[in-house]
Each structure stands twice: as C-alpha cells, then as structure tokens.
Amino acid sequence: MINTLNLMLLLTMTILGAFAGLFLKKASSSPFKSLILNINLYLGGGLYFLSALINIYILKYLDYSVVLPLTSMTYIWTMLISFFILHEKISVKKIIGIALILVGALCVAIG
C-alpha cells in the first residue's frame, strides 16, 4: 500500500530525475574540454544522486515491482519541462504515450 508520504517522495524523486536530465542536456552544449567547469553538469549529477537516495529510501517501504514502474512518471515531467523550458513541440504520439504511462502507473499503484 502506498501511503501519502511515500507517494510524495516518489513524485519528488521523479521530478528531480527529470530536472537532472534538463541540466545534463544544458551541460551537453558546452565543448567537452570545458565540461568540467560547467555548473549544469554538477547540478544534473547532484539531482540524479538525490533522486537515487530517495529511491533507496522508498525501496525500504515499497515493493520494487511497484516503485520501478512508477518511476516512469519521470517521462511525464520530462515532456512538460521540454515543452515549457526548452520550447519543444508535443506531438499527438507523445500525448498518447504519456496517457498510456499514466494508465499503467495507476494500474500498478492501485493493484
């Protein structure tokens, strides 16, 4: 059973993972030689690390077969971040994919 605290931590973990990807995307625009000085590399790595720590904590209380599928929520946040911050387009296929992810996540969370 997923209680409110674990659900909030799970959502936080997925949001942190999505923002980590954003910062690593921004870091990827610098030349390889100057990557070591790019703050976005450290922000992205730090957010991934924090997300991993939350994941480890959640796994103490929830089944792996529940936690891992629910981490797919990261894809939803990633699409929203890419739309609002990177101004990428959202296609109908992406919307269908996100809807299927939501249905799957609900099935796992409820079942």
PDB file of N, CA and C in Angstrom:
ATOM      1  N   MET A   1       0.845  -1.193   0.000  1.00  0.00           N
ATOM      2  CA  MET A   1       0.000   0.000   0.000  1.00  0.00           C
ATOM      3  C   MET A   1       0.885   1.249   0.000  1.00  0.00           C
ATOM      4  N   ILE A   2       0.531   2.182  -0.845  1.00  0.00           N
ATOM      5  CA  ILE A   2       1.296   3.424  -0.945  1.00  0.00           C
ATOM      6  C   ILE A   2       0.647   4.473  -0.050  1.00  0.00           C
ATOM      7  N   ASN A   3       1.385   4.920   0.982  1.00  0.00           N
ATOM      8  CA  ASN A   3       0.838   5.980   1.823  1.00  0.00           C
ATOM      9  C   ASN A   3       1.200   7.338   1.223  1.00  0.00           C
ATOM     10  N   THR A   4       0.686   8.385   1.800  1.00  0.00           N
ATOM     11  CA  THR A   4       0.854   9.731   1.251  1.00  0.00           C
ATOM     12  C   THR A   4       2.316  10.158   1.225  1.00  0.00           C
ATOM     13  N   LEU A   5       3.065   9.867   2.289  1.00  0.00           N
ATOM     14  CA  LEU A   5       4.473  10.258   2.334  1.00  0.00           C
ATOM     15  C   LEU A   5       5.261   9.568   1.222  1.00  0.00           C
ATOM     16  N   ASN A   6       5.063   8.259   1.070  1.00  0.00           N
ATOM     17  CA  ASN A   6       5.792   7.540   0.029  1.00  0.00           C
ATOM     18  C   ASN A   6       5.395   8.018  -1.365  1.00  0.00           C
ATOM     19  N   LEU A   7       4.144   8.352  -1.553  1.00  0.00           N
ATOM     20  CA  LEU A   7       3.700   8.874  -2.846  1.00  0.00           C
ATOM     21  C   LEU A   7       4.350  10.215  -3.131  1.00  0.00           C
ATOM     22  N   MET A   8       4.410  11.082  -2.133  1.00  0.00           N
ATOM     23  CA  MET A   8       5.050  12.392  -2.314  1.00  0.00           C
ATOM     24  C   MET A   8       6.548  12.233  -2.594  1.00  0.00           C
ATOM     25  N   LEU A   9       7.189  11.318  -1.884  1.00  0.00           N
ATOM     26  CA  LEU A   9       8.606  11.068  -2.134  1.00  0.00           C
ATOM     27  C   LEU A   9       8.829  10.506  -3.534  1.00  0.00           C
ATOM     28  N   LEU A  10       7.939   9.633  -3.966  1.00  0.00           N
ATOM     29  CA  LEU A  10       8.054   9.052  -5.306  1.00  0.00           C
ATOM     30  C   LEU A  10       7.902  10.123  -6.378  1.00  0.00           C
ATOM     31  N   LEU A  11       6.929  11.002  -6.192  1.00  0.00           N
ATOM     32  CA  LEU A  11       6.745  12.103  -7.142  1.00  0.00           C
ATOM     33  C   LEU A  11       7.952  13.043  -7.129  1.00  0.00           C
ATOM     34  N   THR A  12       8.465  13.341  -5.943  1.00  0.00           N
ATOM     35  CA  THR A  12       9.645  14.194  -5.820  1.00  0.00           C
ATOM     36  C   THR A  12      10.838  13.566  -6.523  1.00  0.00           C
ATOM     37  N   MET A  13      11.004  12.256  -6.328  1.00  0.00           N
ATOM     38  CA  MET A  13      12.105  11.543  -6.965  1.00  0.00           C
ATOM     39  C   MET A  13      12.022  11.646  -8.483  1.00  0.00           C
ATOM     40  N   THR A  14      10.835  11.488  -9.036  1.00  0.00           N
ATOM     41  CA  THR A  14      10.692  11.539 -10.494  1.00  0.00           C
ATOM     42  C   THR A  14      10.885  12.957 -11.031  1.00  0.00           C
ATOM     43  N   ILE A  15      10.424  13.946 -10.287  1.00  0.00           N
ATOM     44  CA  ILE A  15      10.619  15.341 -10.714  1.00  0.00           C
ATOM     45  C   ILE A  15      12.104  15.707 -10.671  1.00  0.00           C
ATOM     46  N   LEU A  16      12.800  15.278  -9.616  1.00  0.00           N
ATOM     47  CA  LEU A  16      14.238  15.536  -9.533  1.00  0.00           C
ATOM     48  C   LEU A  16      14.979  14.882 -10.694  1.00  0.00           C
ATOM     49  N   GLY A  17      14.577  13.659 -11.038  1.00  0.00           N
ATOM     50  CA  GLY A  17      15.198  12.969 -12.161  1.00  0.00           C
ATOM     51  C   GLY A  17      14.986  13.703 -13.469  1.00  0.00           C
ATOM     52  N   ALA A  18      13.793  14.250 -13.658  1.00  0.00           N
ATOM     53  CA  ALA A  18      13.504  14.992 -14.887  1.00  0.00           C
ATOM     54  C   ALA A  18      14.323  16.279 -14.961  1.00  0.00           C
ATOM     55  N   PHE A  19      14.441  17.000 -13.853  1.00  0.00           N
ATOM     56  CA  PHE A  19      15.242  18.219 -13.855  1.00  0.00           C
ATOM     57  C   PHE A  19      16.736  17.900 -13.985  1.00  0.00           C
ATOM     58  N   ALA A  20      17.165  16.762 -13.454  1.00  0.00           N
ATOM     59  CA  ALA A  20      18.555  16.342 -13.630  1.00  0.00           C
ATOM     60  C   ALA A  20      18.862  16.187 -15.113  1.00  0.00           C
ATOM     61  N   GLY A  21      17.944  15.556 -15.839  1.00  0.00           N
ATOM     62  CA  GLY A  21      18.123  15.409 -17.281  1.00  0.00           C
ATOM     63  C   GLY A  21      18.199  16.747 -17.997  1.00  0.00           C
ATOM     64  N   LEU A  22      17.399  17.704 -17.551  1.00  0.00           N
ATOM     65  CA  LEU A  22      17.417  19.046 -18.144  1.00  0.00           C
ATOM     66  C   LEU A  22      18.797  19.693 -17.973  1.00  0.00           C
ATOM     67  N   PHE A  23      19.347  19.617 -16.761  1.00  0.00           N
ATOM     68  CA  PHE A  23      20.652  20.234 -16.525  1.00  0.00           C
ATOM     69  C   PHE A  23      21.758  19.527 -17.303  1.00  0.00           C
ATOM     70  N   LEU A  24      21.657  18.210 -17.431  1.00  0.00           N
ATOM     71  CA  LEU A  24      22.658  17.496 -18.226  1.00  0.00           C
ATOM     72  C   LEU A  24      22.514  17.831 -19.705  1.00  0.00           C
ATOM     73  N   LYS A  25      21.291  18.056 -20.164  1.00  0.00           N
ATOM     74  CA  LYS A  25      21.070  18.497 -21.543  1.00  0.00           C
ATOM     75  C   LYS A  25      21.750  19.847 -21.767  1.00  0.00           C
ATOM     76  N   LYS A  26      21.570  20.761 -20.813  1.00  0.00           N
ATOM     77  CA  LYS A  26      22.214  22.073 -20.919  1.00  0.00           C
ATOM     78  C   LYS A  26      23.732  21.943 -20.875  1.00  0.00           C
ATOM     79  N   ALA A  27      24.237  21.033 -20.054  1.00  0.00           N
ATOM     80  CA  ALA A  27      25.690  20.841 -19.965  1.00  0.00           C
ATOM     81  C   ALA A  27      26.243  20.283 -21.269  1.00  0.00           C
ATOM     82  N   SER A  28      25.437  19.535 -21.984  1.00  0.00           N
ATOM     83  CA  SER A  28      25.914  18.899 -23.216  1.00  0.00           C
ATOM     84  C   SER A  28      26.208  19.909 -24.323  1.00  0.00           C
ATOM     85  N   SER A  29      25.751  21.138 -24.166  1.00  0.00           N
ATOM     86  CA  SER A  29      26.002  22.142 -25.198  1.00  0.00           C
ATOM     87  C   SER A  29      27.410  22.738 -25.101  1.00  0.00           C
ATOM     88  N   SER A  30      28.124  22.479 -23.976  1.00  0.00           N
ATOM     89  CA  SER A  30      29.488  23.017 -23.893  1.00  0.00           C
ATOM     90  C   SER A  30      30.486  22.065 -24.534  1.00  0.00           C
ATOM     91  N   PRO A  31      31.583  22.637 -24.985  1.00  0.00           N
ATOM     92  CA  PRO A  31      32.651  21.792 -25.529  1.00  0.00           C
ATOM     93  C   PRO A  31      33.149  20.816 -24.464  1.00  0.00           C
ATOM     94  N   PHE A  32      33.572  19.641 -24.892  1.00  0.00           N
ATOM     95  CA  PHE A  32      33.968  18.585 -23.960  1.00  0.00           C
ATOM     96  C   PHE A  32      35.065  19.039 -22.999  1.00  0.00           C
ATOM     97  N   LYS A  33      36.016  19.812 -23.479  1.00  0.00           N
ATOM     98  CA  LYS A  33      37.126  20.262 -22.637  1.00  0.00           C
ATOM     99  C   LYS A  33      36.669  21.165 -21.495  1.00  0.00           C
ATOM    100  N   SER A  34      35.626  21.954 -21.715  1.00  0.00           N
ATOM    101  CA  SER A  34      35.168  22.875 -20.676  1.00  0.00           C
ATOM    102  C   SER A  34      34.013  22.285 -19.853  1.00  0.00           C
ATOM    103  N   LEU A  35      33.682  21.042 -20.098  1.00  0.00           N
ATOM    104  CA  LEU A  35      32.569  20.404 -19.386  1.00  0.00           C
ATOM    105  C   LEU A  35      32.819  20.344 -17.882  1.00  0.00           C
ATOM    106  N   ILE A  36      34.055  20.156 -17.483  1.00  0.00           N
ATOM    107  CA  ILE A  36      34.402  20.046 -16.071  1.00  0.00           C
ATOM    108  C   ILE A  36      34.077  21.324 -15.300  1.00  0.00           C
ATOM    109  N   LEU A  37      33.995  22.451 -16.003  1.00  0.00           N
ATOM    110  CA  LEU A  37      33.695  23.729 -15.361  1.00  0.00           C
ATOM    111  C   LEU A  37      32.229  24.121 -15.476  1.00  0.00           C
ATOM    112  N   ASN A  38      31.433  23.290 -16.104  1.00  0.00           N
ATOM    113  CA  ASN A  38      30.036  23.620 -16.355  1.00  0.00           C
ATOM    114  C   ASN A  38      29.182  23.295 -15.131  1.00  0.00           C
ATOM    115  N   ILE A  39      28.560  24.292 -14.548  1.00  0.00           N
ATOM    116  CA  ILE A  39      27.734  24.110 -13.348  1.00  0.00           C
ATOM    117  C   ILE A  39      26.546  23.195 -13.611  1.00  0.00           C
ATOM    118  N   ASN A  40      26.042  23.190 -14.844  1.00  0.00           N
ATOM    119  CA  ASN A  40      24.901  22.334 -15.170  1.00  0.00           C
ATOM    120  C   ASN A  40      25.235  20.853 -15.013  1.00  0.00           C
ATOM    121  N   LEU A  41      26.485  20.489 -15.267  1.00  0.00           N
ATOM    122  CA  LEU A  41      26.913  19.097 -15.081  1.00  0.00           C
ATOM    123  C   LEU A  41      26.769  18.694 -13.621  1.00  0.00           C
ATOM    124  N   TYR A  42      27.174  19.567 -12.725  1.00  0.00           N
ATOM    125  CA  TYR A  42      27.121  19.271 -11.297  1.00  0.00           C
ATOM    126  C   TYR A  42      25.693  19.326 -10.752  1.00  0.00           C
ATOM    127  N   LEU A  43      24.908  20.264 -11.257  1.00  0.00           N
ATOM    128  CA  LEU A  43      23.501  20.316 -10.846  1.00  0.00           C
ATOM    129  C   LEU A  43      22.775  19.053 -11.287  1.00  0.00           C
ATOM    130  N   GLY A  44      22.969  18.656 -12.528  1.00  0.00           N
ATOM    131  CA  GLY A  44      22.330  17.445 -13.035  1.00  0.00           C
ATOM    132  C   GLY A  44      22.773  16.208 -12.275  1.00  0.00           C
ATOM    133  N   GLY A  45      24.074  16.075 -12.062  1.00  0.00           N
ATOM    134  CA  GLY A  45      24.590  14.932 -11.315  1.00  0.00           C
ATOM    135  C   GLY A  45      24.091  14.918  -9.878  1.00  0.00           C
ATOM    136  N   GLY A  46      24.066  16.089  -9.259  1.00  0.00           N
ATOM    137  CA  GLY A  46      23.578  16.189  -7.879  1.00  0.00           C
ATOM    138  C   GLY A  46      22.107  15.829  -7.759  1.00  0.00           C
ATOM    139  N   LEU A  47      21.309  16.279  -8.717  1.00  0.00           N
ATOM    140  CA  LEU A  47      19.882  15.951  -8.678  1.00  0.00           C
ATOM    141  C   LEU A  47      19.644  14.465  -8.918  1.00  0.00           C
ATOM    142  N   TYR A  48      20.424  13.869  -9.821  1.00  0.00           N
ATOM    143  CA  TYR A  48      20.320  12.416 -10.019  1.00  0.00           C
ATOM    144  C   TYR A  48      20.704  11.668  -8.752  1.00  0.00           C
ATOM    145  N   PHE A  49      21.750  12.132  -8.082  1.00  0.00           N
ATOM    146  CA  PHE A  49      22.184  11.499  -6.841  1.00  0.00           C
ATOM    147  C   PHE A  49      21.107  11.600  -5.768  1.00  0.00           C
ATOM    148  N   LEU A  50      20.528  12.786  -5.612  1.00  0.00           N
ATOM    149  CA  LEU A  50      19.457  12.978  -4.641  1.00  0.00           C
ATOM    150  C   LEU A  50      18.249  12.100  -4.980  1.00  0.00           C
ATOM    151  N   SER A  51      17.921  12.025  -6.257  1.00  0.00           N
ATOM    152  CA  SER A  51      16.831  11.170  -6.703  1.00  0.00           C
ATOM    153  C   SER A  51      17.118   9.706  -6.359  1.00  0.00           C
ATOM    154  N   ALA A  52      18.365   9.279  -6.542  1.00  0.00           N
ATOM    155  CA  ALA A  52      18.745   7.900  -6.222  1.00  0.00           C
ATOM    156  C   ALA A  52      18.628   7.628  -4.720  1.00  0.00           C
ATOM    157  N   LEU A  53      19.007   8.602  -3.899  1.00  0.00           N
ATOM    158  CA  LEU A  53      18.877   8.429  -2.447  1.00  0.00           C
ATOM    159  C   LEU A  53      17.413   8.280  -2.033  1.00  0.00           C
ATOM    160  N   ILE A  54      16.556   9.078  -2.633  1.00  0.00           N
ATOM    161  CA  ILE A  54      15.123   8.960  -2.337  1.00  0.00           C
ATOM    162  C   ILE A  54      14.617   7.604  -2.800  1.00  0.00           C
ATOM    163  N   ASN A  55      15.084   7.145  -3.951  1.00  0.00           N
ATOM    164  CA  ASN A  55      14.695   5.839  -4.477  1.00  0.00           C
ATOM    165  C   ASN A  55      15.073   4.731  -3.491  1.00  0.00           C
ATOM    166  N   ILE A  56      16.280   4.794  -2.964  1.00  0.00           N
ATOM    167  CA  ILE A  56      16.730   3.789  -1.990  1.00  0.00           C
ATOM    168  C   ILE A  56      15.843   3.818  -0.750  1.00  0.00           C
ATOM    169  N   TYR A  57      15.515   5.004  -0.280  1.00  0.00           N
ATOM    170  CA  TYR A  57      14.643   5.130   0.897  1.00  0.00           C
ATOM    171  C   TYR A  57      13.264   4.523   0.626  1.00  0.00           C
ATOM    172  N   ILE A  58      12.694   4.856  -0.526  1.00  0.00           N
ATOM    173  CA  ILE A  58      11.357   4.351  -0.861  1.00  0.00           C
ATOM    174  C   ILE A  58      11.360   2.833  -0.972  1.00  0.00           C
ATOM    175  N   LEU A  59      12.444   2.279  -1.511  1.00  0.00           N
ATOM    176  CA  LEU A  59      12.513   0.825  -1.677  1.00  0.00           C
ATOM    177  C   LEU A  59      12.529   0.083  -0.338  1.00  0.00           C
ATOM    178  N   LYS A  60      12.842   0.781   0.754  1.00  0.00           N
ATOM    179  CA  LYS A  60      12.757   0.161   2.084  1.00  0.00           C
ATOM    180  C   LYS A  60      11.303  -0.136   2.450  1.00  0.00           C
ATOM    181  N   TYR A  61      10.373   0.643   1.885  1.00  0.00           N
ATOM    182  CA  TYR A  61       8.984   0.554   2.316  1.00  0.00           C
ATOM    183  C   TYR A  61       8.016   0.049   1.252  1.00  0.00           C
ATOM    184  N   LEU A  62       8.413   0.093   0.003  1.00  0.00           N
ATOM    185  CA  LEU A  62       7.532  -0.350  -1.076  1.00  0.00           C
ATOM    186  C   LEU A  62       8.209  -1.435  -1.900  1.00  0.00           C
ATOM    187  N   ASP A  63       7.414  -2.244  -2.535  1.00  0.00           N
ATOM    188  CA  ASP A  63       7.940  -3.304  -3.386  1.00  0.00           C
ATOM    189  C   ASP A  63       8.616  -2.716  -4.617  1.00  0.00           C
ATOM    190  N   TYR A  64       9.680  -3.369  -5.020  1.00  0.00           N
ATOM    191  CA  TYR A  64      10.402  -2.979  -6.229  1.00  0.00           C
ATOM    192  C   TYR A  64       9.481  -3.037  -7.441  1.00  0.00           C
ATOM    193  N   SER A  65       8.578  -4.017  -7.450  1.00  0.00           N
ATOM    194  CA  SER A  65       7.642  -4.172  -8.578  1.00  0.00           C
ATOM    195  C   SER A  65       6.635  -3.033  -8.654  1.00  0.00           C
ATOM    196  N   VAL A  66       6.552  -2.233  -7.614  1.00  0.00           N
ATOM    197  CA  VAL A  66       5.689  -1.046  -7.620  1.00  0.00           C
ATOM    198  C   VAL A  66       6.520   0.199  -7.922  1.00  0.00           C
ATOM    199  N   VAL A  67       7.662   0.329  -7.265  1.00  0.00           N
ATOM    200  CA  VAL A  67       8.476   1.540  -7.392  1.00  0.00           C
ATOM    201  C   VAL A  67       9.005   1.714  -8.806  1.00  0.00           C
ATOM    202  N   LEU A  68       9.588   0.662  -9.370  1.00  0.00           N
ATOM    203  CA  LEU A  68      10.207   0.823 -10.681  1.00  0.00           C
ATOM    204  C   LEU A  68       9.214   1.248 -11.756  1.00  0.00           C
ATOM    205  N   PRO A  69       8.043   0.614 -11.885  1.00  0.00           N
ATOM    206  CA  PRO A  69       7.101   1.107 -12.898  1.00  0.00           C
ATOM    207  C   PRO A  69       6.641   2.542 -12.649  1.00  0.00           C
ATOM    208  N   LEU A  70       6.516   2.939 -11.397  1.00  0.00           N
ATOM    209  CA  LEU A  70       6.057   4.299 -11.111  1.00  0.00           C
ATOM    210  C   LEU A  70       7.129   5.346 -11.404  1.00  0.00           C
ATOM    211  N   THR A  71       8.378   4.932 -11.536  1.00  0.00           N
ATOM    212  CA  THR A  71       9.408   5.894 -11.925  1.00  0.00           C
ATOM    213  C   THR A  71       9.222   6.355 -13.370  1.00  0.00           C
ATOM    214  N   SER A  72       8.355   5.678 -14.109  1.00  0.00           N
ATOM    215  CA  SER A  72       8.061   6.115 -15.481  1.00  0.00           C
ATOM    216  C   SER A  72       7.372   7.476 -15.494  1.00  0.00           C
ATOM    217  N   MET A  73       6.923   7.934 -14.336  1.00  0.00           N
ATOM    218  CA  MET A  73       6.346   9.273 -14.234  1.00  0.00           C
ATOM    219  C   MET A  73       7.381  10.336 -14.628  1.00  0.00           C
ATOM    220  N   THR A  74       8.655   9.978 -14.547  1.00  0.00           N
ATOM    221  CA  THR A  74       9.719  10.900 -14.958  1.00  0.00           C
ATOM    222  C   THR A  74       9.511  11.352 -16.398  1.00  0.00           C
ATOM    223  N   TYR A  75       9.022  10.455 -17.253  1.00  0.00           N
ATOM    224  CA  TYR A  75       8.798  10.801 -18.658  1.00  0.00           C
ATOM    225  C   TYR A  75       7.747  11.903 -18.805  1.00  0.00           C
ATOM    226  N   ILE A  76       6.772  11.906 -17.926  1.00  0.00           N
ATOM    227  CA  ILE A  76       5.739  12.947 -17.971  1.00  0.00           C
ATOM    228  C   ILE A  76       6.356  14.300 -17.632  1.00  0.00           C
ATOM    229  N   TRP A  77       7.121  14.336 -16.532  1.00  0.00           N
ATOM    230  CA  TRP A  77       7.753  15.601 -16.135  1.00  0.00           C
ATOM    231  C   TRP A  77       8.739  16.068 -17.203  1.00  0.00           C
ATOM    232  N   THR A  78       9.458  15.110 -17.803  1.00  0.00           N
ATOM    233  CA  THR A  78      10.429  15.462 -18.842  1.00  0.00           C
ATOM    234  C   THR A  78       9.743  16.119 -20.030  1.00  0.00           C
ATOM    235  N   MET A  79       8.599  15.580 -20.426  1.00  0.00           N
ATOM    236  CA  MET A  79       7.869  16.169 -21.547  1.00  0.00           C
ATOM    237  C   MET A  79       7.396  17.583 -21.204  1.00  0.00           C
ATOM    238  N   LEU A  80       6.898  17.777 -19.995  1.00  0.00           N
ATOM    239  CA  LEU A  80       6.437  19.104 -19.587  1.00  0.00           C
ATOM    240  C   LEU A  80       7.605  20.094 -19.503  1.00  0.00           C
ATOM    241  N   ILE A  81       8.719  19.658 -18.955  1.00  0.00           N
ATOM    242  CA  ILE A  81       9.900  20.519 -18.871  1.00  0.00           C
ATOM    243  C   ILE A  81      10.393  20.876 -20.262  1.00  0.00           C
ATOM    244  N   SER A  82      10.438  19.882 -21.153  1.00  0.00           N
ATOM    245  CA  SER A  82      10.930  20.156 -22.505  1.00  0.00           C
ATOM    246  C   SER A  82       9.995  21.106 -23.249  1.00  0.00           C
ATOM    247  N   PHE A  83       8.710  21.049 -22.945  1.00  0.00           N
ATOM    248  CA  PHE A  83       7.749  21.946 -23.589  1.00  0.00           C
ATOM    249  C   PHE A  83       7.881  23.366 -23.047  1.00  0.00           C
ATOM    250  N   PHE A  84       7.858  23.507 -21.721  1.00  0.00           N
ATOM    251  CA  PHE A  84       7.833  24.840 -21.115  1.00  0.00           C
ATOM    252  C   PHE A  84       9.208  25.519 -21.071  1.00  0.00           C
ATOM    253  N   ILE A  85      10.266  24.768 -20.897  1.00  0.00           N
ATOM    254  CA  ILE A  85      11.583  25.388 -20.751  1.00  0.00           C
ATOM    255  C   ILE A  85      12.375  25.358 -22.060  1.00  0.00           C
ATOM    256  N   LEU A  86      12.360  24.223 -22.746  1.00  0.00           N
ATOM    257  CA  LEU A  86      13.130  24.102 -23.988  1.00  0.00           C
ATOM    258  C   LEU A  86      12.302  24.423 -25.228  1.00  0.00           C
ATOM    259  N   HIS A  87      11.015  24.665 -25.044  1.00  0.00           N
ATOM    260  CA  HIS A  87      10.089  25.031 -26.114  1.00  0.00           C
ATOM    261  C   HIS A  87      10.022  23.979 -27.224  1.00  0.00           C
ATOM    262  N   GLU A  88      10.068  22.717 -26.813  1.00  0.00           N
ATOM    263  CA  GLU A  88       9.912  21.633 -27.771  1.00  0.00           C
ATOM    264  C   GLU A  88       8.429  21.397 -28.031  1.00  0.00           C
ATOM    265  N   LYS A  89       8.126  20.859 -29.173  1.00  0.00           N
ATOM    266  CA  LYS A  89       6.735  20.594 -29.534  1.00  0.00           C
ATOM    267  C   LYS A  89       6.271  19.269 -28.932  1.00  0.00           C
ATOM    268  N   ILE A  90       4.991  19.215 -28.592  1.00  0.00           N
ATOM    269  CA  ILE A  90       4.384  17.985 -28.085  1.00  0.00           C
ATOM    270  C   ILE A  90       3.484  17.436 -29.185  1.00  0.00           C
ATOM    271  N   SER A  91       3.821  16.255 -29.673  1.00  0.00           N
ATOM    272  CA  SER A  91       3.041  15.643 -30.749  1.00  0.00           C
ATOM    273  C   SER A  91       1.906  14.799 -30.169  1.00  0.00           C
ATOM    274  N   VAL A  92       1.000  14.408 -31.022  1.00  0.00           N
ATOM    275  CA  VAL A  92      -0.104  13.539 -30.615  1.00  0.00           C
ATOM    276  C   VAL A  92       0.445  12.204 -30.118  1.00  0.00           C
ATOM    277  N   LYS A  93       1.482  11.693 -30.759  1.00  0.00           N
ATOM    278  CA  LYS A  93       2.092  10.430 -30.316  1.00  0.00           C
ATOM    279  C   LYS A  93       2.641  10.554 -28.903  1.00  0.00           C
ATOM    280  N   LYS A  94       3.222  11.694 -28.587  1.00  0.00           N
ATOM    281  CA  LYS A  94       3.741  11.894 -27.234  1.00  0.00           C
ATOM    282  C   LYS A  94       2.614  11.926 -26.217  1.00  0.00           C
ATOM    283  N   ILE A  95       1.525  12.579 -26.569  1.00  0.00           N
ATOM    284  CA  ILE A  95       0.374  12.649 -25.660  1.00  0.00           C
ATOM    285  C   ILE A  95      -0.210  11.259 -25.430  1.00  0.00           C
ATOM    286  N   ILE A  96      -0.314  10.475 -26.493  1.00  0.00           N
ATOM    287  CA  ILE A  96      -0.820   9.099 -26.356  1.00  0.00           C
ATOM    288  C   ILE A  96       0.124   8.289 -25.468  1.00  0.00           C
ATOM    289  N   GLY A  97       1.427   8.450 -25.689  1.00  0.00           N
ATOM    290  CA  GLY A  97       2.405   7.740 -24.868  1.00  0.00           C
ATOM    291  C   GLY A  97       2.296   8.103 -23.399  1.00  0.00           C
ATOM    292  N   ILE A  98       2.146   9.382 -23.118  1.00  0.00           N
ATOM    293  CA  ILE A  98       2.006   9.841 -21.727  1.00  0.00           C
ATOM    294  C   ILE A  98       0.723   9.305 -21.114  1.00  0.00           C
ATOM    295  N   ALA A  99      -0.361   9.293 -21.887  1.00  0.00           N
ATOM    296  CA  ALA A  99      -1.635   8.738 -21.387  1.00  0.00           C
ATOM    297  C   ALA A  99      -1.466   7.267 -21.031  1.00  0.00           C
ATOM    298  N   LEU A 100      -0.769   6.526 -21.863  1.00  0.00           N
ATOM    299  CA  LEU A 100      -0.540   5.107 -21.581  1.00  0.00           C
ATOM    300  C   LEU A 100       0.334   4.916 -20.341  1.00  0.00           C
ATOM    301  N   ILE A 101       1.320   5.779 -20.172  1.00  0.00           N
ATOM    302  CA  ILE A 101       2.147   5.725 -18.968  1.00  0.00           C
ATOM    303  C   ILE A 101       1.295   5.970 -17.732  1.00  0.00           C
ATOM    304  N   LEU A 102       0.422   6.968 -17.800  1.00  0.00           N
ATOM    305  CA  LEU A 102      -0.458   7.262 -16.660  1.00  0.00           C
ATOM    306  C   LEU A 102      -1.365   6.093 -16.337  1.00  0.00           C
ATOM    307  N   VAL A 103      -1.953   5.482 -17.352  1.00  0.00           N
ATOM    308  CA  VAL A 103      -2.830   4.330 -17.126  1.00  0.00           C
ATOM    309  C   VAL A 103      -2.030   3.193 -16.490  1.00  0.00           C
ATOM    310  N   GLY A 104      -0.839   2.936 -17.014  1.00  0.00           N
ATOM    311  CA  GLY A 104      -0.013   1.873 -16.449  1.00  0.00           C
ATOM    312  C   GLY A 104       0.388   2.155 -15.018  1.00  0.00           C
ATOM    313  N   ALA A 105       0.777   3.397 -14.734  1.00  0.00           N
ATOM    314  CA  ALA A 105       1.171   3.768 -13.370  1.00  0.00           C
ATOM    315  C   ALA A 105      -0.001   3.619 -12.396  1.00  0.00           C
ATOM    316  N   LEU A 106      -1.188   4.015 -12.851  1.00  0.00           N
ATOM    317  CA  LEU A 106      -2.370   3.856 -11.996  1.00  0.00           C
ATOM    318  C   LEU A 106      -2.676   2.395 -11.727  1.00  0.00           C
ATOM    319  N   CYS A 107      -2.549   1.570 -12.758  1.00  0.00           N
ATOM    320  CA  CYS A 107      -2.794   0.137 -12.582  1.00  0.00           C
ATOM    321  C   CYS A 107      -1.832  -0.478 -11.565  1.00  0.00           C
ATOM    322  N   VAL A 108      -0.569  -0.081 -11.637  1.00  0.00           N
ATOM    323  CA  VAL A 108       0.426  -0.601 -10.707  1.00  0.00           C
ATOM    324  C   VAL A 108       0.156  -0.076  -9.296  1.00  0.00           C
ATOM    325  N   ALA A 109      -0.162   1.211  -9.175  1.00  0.00           N
ATOM    326  CA  ALA A 109      -0.384   1.819  -7.866  1.00  0.00           C
ATOM    327  C   ALA A 109      -1.623   1.258  -7.182  1.00  0.00           C
ATOM    328  N   ILE A 110      -2.674   1.020  -7.953  1.00  0.00           N
ATOM    329  CA  ILE A 110      -3.931   0.530  -7.373  1.00  0.00           C
ATOM    330  C   ILE A 110      -3.864  -0.960  -7.087  1.00  0.00           C
ATOM    331  N   GLY A 111      -3.238  -1.705  -8.017  1.00  0.00           N
ATOM    332  CA  GLY A 111      -3.197  -3.182  -7.914  1.00  0.00           C
ATOM    333  C   GLY A 111      -2.189  -3.606  -6.969  1.00  0.00           C
TER     334      GLY A 111
END
